C-alpha atoms as a PDB file:
ATOM      1  CA  MET A   1      -0.050   0.323   0.271  1.00  0.00           C
ATOM      2  CA  ASP A   2       1.424   3.571  -0.846  1.00  0.00           C
ATOM      3  CA  GLY A   3       0.519   6.803   0.019  1.00  0.00           C
ATOM      4  CA  LEU A   4      -1.682   7.093  -3.272  1.00  0.00           C
ATOM      5  CA  ALA A   5      -3.910   4.087  -1.767  1.00  0.00           C
ATOM      6  CA  ILE A   6      -4.577   5.181   1.787  1.00  0.00           C
ATOM      7  CA  GLN A   7      -5.514   8.963   0.101  1.00  0.00           C
ATOM      8  CA  ALA A   8      -7.979   7.193  -2.775  1.00  0.00           C
ATOM      9  CA  LEU A   9      -9.602   4.956   0.511  1.00  0.00           C
ATOM     10  CA  ARG A  10      -9.709   7.957   2.741  1.00  0.00           C
ATOM     11  CA  TYR A  11     -11.911   9.924  -0.456  1.00  0.00           C
ATOM     12  CA  GLU A  12     -13.769   7.182  -0.932  1.00  0.00           C
ATOM     13  CA  ARG A  13     -14.709   7.245   2.671  1.00  0.00           C
ATOM     14  CA  GLY A  14     -15.166  10.586   2.584  1.00  0.00           C
ATOM     15  CA  MET A  15     -12.826  11.150   5.870  1.00  0.00           C
ATOM     16  CA  SER A  16     -10.197  14.500   6.561  1.00  0.00           C
ATOM     17  CA  GLN A  17      -6.274  13.793   6.888  1.00  0.00           C
ATOM     18  CA  VAL A  18      -7.113  14.819  10.448  1.00  0.00           C
ATOM     19  CA  GLU A  19      -9.496  12.278  11.165  1.00  0.00           C
ATOM     20  CA  LEU A  20      -7.495   9.418   9.669  1.00  0.00           C
ATOM     21  CA  ALA A  21      -4.537  10.154  11.076  1.00  0.00           C
ATOM     22  CA  ARG A  22      -6.315  10.115  14.600  1.00  0.00           C
ATOM     23  CA  ALA A  23      -7.768   6.937  13.972  1.00  0.00           C
ATOM     24  CA  ILE A  24      -4.373   5.475  13.125  1.00  0.00           C
ATOM     25  CA  GLY A  25      -2.512   7.149  15.966  1.00  0.00           C
ATOM     26  CA  ILE A  26      -0.607   9.388  13.516  1.00  0.00           C
ATOM     27  CA  SER A  27       0.048  13.293  13.264  1.00  0.00           C
ATOM     28  CA  GLN A  28      -1.986  14.692  10.371  1.00  0.00           C
ATOM     29  CA  PRO A  29       1.299  16.436   8.901  1.00  0.00           C
ATOM     30  CA  ARG A  30       2.680  12.586   8.871  1.00  0.00           C
ATOM     31  CA  LEU A  31      -0.321  11.380   6.879  1.00  0.00           C
ATOM     32  CA  SER A  32       0.382  14.179   4.631  1.00  0.00           C
ATOM     33  CA  GLU A  33       3.536  13.273   4.049  1.00  0.00           C
ATOM     34  CA  MET A  34       3.057   9.349   3.312  1.00  0.00           C
ATOM     35  CA  GLU A  35      -0.246  10.558   0.958  1.00  0.00           C
ATOM     36  CA  THR A  36       1.962  12.683  -1.581  1.00  0.00           C
ATOM     37  CA  GLY A  37       4.963  10.223  -0.989  1.00  0.00           C
ATOM     38  CA  LEU A  38       7.168  12.591   0.927  1.00  0.00           C
ATOM     39  CA  VAL A  39       8.248   9.536   3.369  1.00  0.00           C
ATOM     40  CA  PRO A  40       7.321   5.913   2.729  1.00  0.00           C
ATOM     41  CA  VAL A  41       4.125   4.269   4.051  1.00  0.00           C
ATOM     42  CA  THR A  42       5.130   2.035   7.736  1.00  0.00           C
ATOM     43  CA  LEU A  43       3.988  -1.778   8.123  1.00  0.00           C
ATOM     44  CA  ARG A  44       2.020  -0.271  11.192  1.00  0.00           C
ATOM     45  CA  VAL A  45       0.328   2.464   8.842  1.00  0.00           C
ATOM     46  CA  ARG A  46      -0.515  -0.074   6.665  1.00  0.00           C
ATOM     47  CA  ILE A  47      -2.074  -2.582   9.157  1.00  0.00           C
ATOM     48  CA  ARG A  48      -3.885   0.556  10.835  1.00  0.00           C
ATOM     49  CA  VAL A  49      -5.407   1.852   7.671  1.00  0.00           C
ATOM     50  CA  ALA A  50      -6.225  -2.158   6.864  1.00  0.00           C
ATOM     51  CA  GLN A  51      -8.618  -1.769  10.036  1.00  0.00           C
ATOM     52  CA  VAL A  52      -9.662   1.344  10.045  1.00  0.00           C
ATOM     53  CA  PHE A  53     -11.457   0.366   6.284  1.00  0.00           C
ATOM     54  CA  ASN A  54     -12.004  -3.136   7.341  1.00  0.00           C
ATOM     55  CA  ILE A  55      -9.987  -4.257   4.128  1.00  0.00           C
ATOM     56  CA  ASN A  56      -7.154  -6.689   3.215  1.00  0.00           C
ATOM     57  CA  ASP A  57      -3.681  -6.307   1.821  1.00  0.00           C
ATOM     58  CA  GLU A  58      -5.248  -7.352  -2.086  1.00  0.00           C
ATOM     59  CA  ALA A  59      -8.053  -4.900  -1.806  1.00  0.00           C
ATOM     60  CA  ILE A  60      -5.838  -2.183  -0.656  1.00  0.00           C
ATOM     61  CA  GLU A  61      -3.226  -3.176  -3.990  1.00  0.00           C
ATOM     62  CA  MET A  62      -6.408  -3.068  -6.315  1.00  0.00           C
ATOM     63  CA  ILE A  63      -7.054   0.275  -5.230  1.00  0.00           C
ATOM     64  CA  ARG A  64      -3.474   1.451  -5.746  1.00  0.00           C
ATOM     65  CA  ARG A  65      -3.055  -0.077  -9.164  1.00  0.00           C
ATOM     66  CA  VAL A  66      -6.577   1.512 -10.198  1.00  0.00           C
ATOM     67  CA  LYS A  67      -5.584   5.265  -8.855  1.00  0.00           C
ATOM     68  CA  LYS A  68      -2.515   4.983 -10.565  1.00  0.00           C
ATOM     69  CA  ALA A  69      -3.565   4.075 -13.715  1.00  0.00           C
ATOM     70  CA  GLU A  70      -5.837   7.115 -13.552  1.00  0.00           C
ATOM     71  CA  GLN A  71      -2.842   9.113 -13.122  1.00  0.00           C
ATOM     72  CA  VAL A  72      -1.472   8.173 -16.415  1.00  0.00           C
ATOM     73  CA  VAL A  73      -1.784  10.617 -19.142  1.00  0.00           C
ATOM     74  CA  PHE A  74      -2.198   9.556 -23.170  1.00  0.00           C
END
């Protein structure tokens, strides 16, 4: 799971960065850095995001691939 997938999940669920950051136990600025790719997403954060959104790694990976494909400009 990368930051793009986390951001997509957050948007899909209508959560703000502040709300998700609180739910997973990190600061909002750190979540922002992860979503924008400035810092890597830690294993702890991956686990907590999956728990908060009640999804597994396969679903997260699918979301990441779709979002990445949407960014491709032809």
